[in-house]
């Protein structure tokens, strides 16, 4: 799905169940974070998948 910044913000504001998933490394997150994002390092392997499974669907 390709959304403009405005469309993305509108969907995020109108969906109480929306989650921003930040899959960057801790070092990357230190350079700049995304407010209210759930941070799960993609490079954690199976632990990453376990954390994804915990998310409310």
N, C-alpha and C. Protein backbone atom coordinates (compact mmCIF):
# COMPACT_ATOMS: atom_id res chain seq x y z
N UNK A 1 0.85 -1.16 0.00
CA UNK A 1 0.00 0.00 0.00
C UNK A 1 0.90 1.23 0.00
N UNK A 2 0.61 2.16 -0.86
CA UNK A 2 1.38 3.39 -0.97
C UNK A 2 0.50 4.55 -0.50
N UNK A 3 0.85 5.15 0.63
CA UNK A 3 0.06 6.25 1.19
C UNK A 3 0.87 7.53 1.22
N UNK A 4 0.19 8.62 1.00
CA UNK A 4 0.84 9.92 1.20
C UNK A 4 0.98 10.15 2.70
N UNK A 5 1.81 11.10 3.07
CA UNK A 5 1.98 11.44 4.49
C UNK A 5 0.64 11.82 5.11
N UNK A 6 -0.14 12.60 4.40
CA UNK A 6 -1.43 13.06 4.91
C UNK A 6 -2.40 11.90 5.10
N UNK A 7 -2.46 11.00 4.12
CA UNK A 7 -3.36 9.85 4.21
C UNK A 7 -2.94 8.93 5.36
N UNK A 8 -1.63 8.74 5.53
CA UNK A 8 -1.13 7.90 6.61
C UNK A 8 -1.51 8.49 7.96
N UNK A 9 -1.29 9.80 8.14
CA UNK A 9 -1.63 10.46 9.40
C UNK A 9 -3.12 10.36 9.69
N UNK A 10 -3.94 10.52 8.66
CA UNK A 10 -5.39 10.45 8.84
C UNK A 10 -5.80 9.05 9.29
N UNK A 11 -5.27 8.03 8.65
CA UNK A 11 -5.60 6.66 9.05
C UNK A 11 -5.14 6.37 10.47
N UNK A 12 -3.96 6.83 10.81
CA UNK A 12 -3.43 6.61 12.15
C UNK A 12 -4.31 7.28 13.20
N UNK A 13 -4.72 8.50 12.95
CA UNK A 13 -5.57 9.23 13.89
C UNK A 13 -6.95 8.61 14.05
N UNK A 14 -7.46 7.99 13.00
CA UNK A 14 -8.82 7.46 13.01
C UNK A 14 -8.91 6.00 13.42
N UNK A 15 -7.81 5.36 13.69
CA UNK A 15 -7.81 3.95 14.06
C UNK A 15 -7.23 3.79 15.46
N UNK A 16 -8.10 3.54 16.43
CA UNK A 16 -7.66 3.40 17.82
C UNK A 16 -6.76 2.18 18.04
N UNK A 17 -6.80 1.23 17.12
CA UNK A 17 -6.01 0.01 17.25
C UNK A 17 -4.70 0.06 16.46
N UNK A 18 -4.42 1.17 15.82
CA UNK A 18 -3.22 1.27 14.99
C UNK A 18 -1.96 1.20 15.84
N UNK A 19 -0.95 0.53 15.31
CA UNK A 19 0.33 0.41 15.98
C UNK A 19 1.42 0.77 14.97
N UNK A 20 2.34 1.61 15.39
CA UNK A 20 3.51 1.90 14.56
C UNK A 20 4.60 0.94 15.02
N UNK A 21 5.06 0.11 14.13
CA UNK A 21 6.08 -0.88 14.44
C UNK A 21 7.42 -0.42 13.87
N UNK A 22 8.36 -0.16 14.76
CA UNK A 22 9.70 0.29 14.38
C UNK A 22 10.64 -0.91 14.50
N UNK A 23 11.15 -1.40 13.38
CA UNK A 23 11.96 -2.61 13.38
C UNK A 23 13.46 -2.31 13.24
N UNK A 24 13.85 -1.09 13.56
CA UNK A 24 15.26 -0.72 13.47
C UNK A 24 16.05 -1.25 14.67
N UNK A 25 17.36 -1.22 14.53
CA UNK A 25 18.24 -1.65 15.62
C UNK A 25 18.24 -0.58 16.72
N UNK A 26 18.65 -0.95 17.94
CA UNK A 26 18.72 0.05 19.01
C UNK A 26 19.60 1.25 18.65
N UNK A 27 20.68 1.00 17.93
CA UNK A 27 21.57 2.08 17.51
C UNK A 27 20.85 3.05 16.57
N UNK A 28 20.05 2.51 15.67
CA UNK A 28 19.30 3.36 14.75
C UNK A 28 18.24 4.16 15.49
N UNK A 29 17.59 3.54 16.45
CA UNK A 29 16.56 4.22 17.24
C UNK A 29 17.18 5.36 18.04
N UNK A 30 18.40 5.18 18.53
CA UNK A 30 19.08 6.24 19.27
C UNK A 30 19.28 7.49 18.42
N UNK A 31 19.39 7.31 17.12
CA UNK A 31 19.59 8.45 16.22
C UNK A 31 18.31 9.26 16.03
N UNK A 32 17.19 8.66 16.33
CA UNK A 32 15.91 9.35 16.21
C UNK A 32 14.79 8.35 16.39
N UNK A 33 13.90 8.65 17.31
CA UNK A 33 12.83 7.71 17.59
C UNK A 33 11.51 8.19 16.99
N UNK A 34 10.58 7.26 16.88
CA UNK A 34 9.24 7.56 16.39
C UNK A 34 8.32 7.55 17.62
N UNK A 35 7.73 8.68 17.97
CA UNK A 35 6.87 8.73 19.16
C UNK A 35 5.76 7.67 19.11
N UNK A 36 5.57 7.00 20.23
CA UNK A 36 4.53 5.99 20.42
C UNK A 36 4.73 4.72 19.60
N UNK A 37 5.89 4.54 19.00
CA UNK A 37 6.14 3.34 18.21
C UNK A 37 6.54 2.18 19.11
N UNK A 38 6.17 0.99 18.69
CA UNK A 38 6.60 -0.25 19.33
C UNK A 38 7.91 -0.64 18.65
N UNK A 39 9.00 -0.69 19.42
CA UNK A 39 10.32 -0.99 18.85
C UNK A 39 10.64 -2.46 19.05
N UNK A 40 10.86 -3.16 17.93
CA UNK A 40 11.29 -4.56 17.96
C UNK A 40 12.40 -4.70 16.92
N UNK A 41 13.60 -4.95 17.36
CA UNK A 41 14.76 -5.07 16.47
C UNK A 41 14.58 -6.26 15.53
N UNK A 42 14.57 -5.98 14.24
CA UNK A 42 14.39 -7.01 13.22
C UNK A 42 15.46 -8.09 13.28
N UNK A 43 16.65 -7.74 13.72
CA UNK A 43 17.76 -8.67 13.72
C UNK A 43 17.79 -9.60 14.94
N UNK A 44 16.72 -9.63 15.71
CA UNK A 44 16.66 -10.52 16.86
C UNK A 44 16.30 -11.96 16.48
N UNK A 45 16.03 -12.20 15.22
CA UNK A 45 15.72 -13.55 14.75
C UNK A 45 14.41 -14.08 15.32
N UNK A 46 14.48 -15.24 15.97
CA UNK A 46 13.27 -15.87 16.50
C UNK A 46 12.62 -15.02 17.59
N UNK A 47 13.42 -14.29 18.34
CA UNK A 47 12.86 -13.41 19.36
C UNK A 47 12.00 -12.32 18.72
N UNK A 48 12.43 -11.84 17.55
CA UNK A 48 11.64 -10.86 16.80
C UNK A 48 10.27 -11.46 16.47
N UNK A 49 10.27 -12.68 15.95
CA UNK A 49 9.01 -13.33 15.58
C UNK A 49 8.13 -13.56 16.81
N UNK A 50 8.73 -13.91 17.92
CA UNK A 50 7.97 -14.12 19.15
C UNK A 50 7.31 -12.82 19.59
N UNK A 51 8.03 -11.71 19.48
CA UNK A 51 7.47 -10.40 19.85
C UNK A 51 6.34 -10.00 18.89
N UNK A 52 6.50 -10.29 17.61
CA UNK A 52 5.45 -10.00 16.63
C UNK A 52 4.19 -10.78 16.97
N UNK A 53 4.35 -12.04 17.35
CA UNK A 53 3.20 -12.88 17.69
C UNK A 53 2.44 -12.34 18.91
N UNK A 54 3.11 -11.62 19.78
CA UNK A 54 2.47 -11.07 20.98
C UNK A 54 1.58 -9.87 20.66
N UNK A 55 1.78 -9.26 19.51
CA UNK A 55 1.00 -8.07 19.16
C UNK A 55 -0.47 -8.43 18.97
N UNK A 56 -1.32 -7.55 19.43
CA UNK A 56 -2.76 -7.72 19.24
C UNK A 56 -3.07 -7.58 17.77
N UNK A 57 -3.80 -8.52 17.24
CA UNK A 57 -4.10 -8.49 15.80
C UNK A 57 -5.46 -7.96 15.51
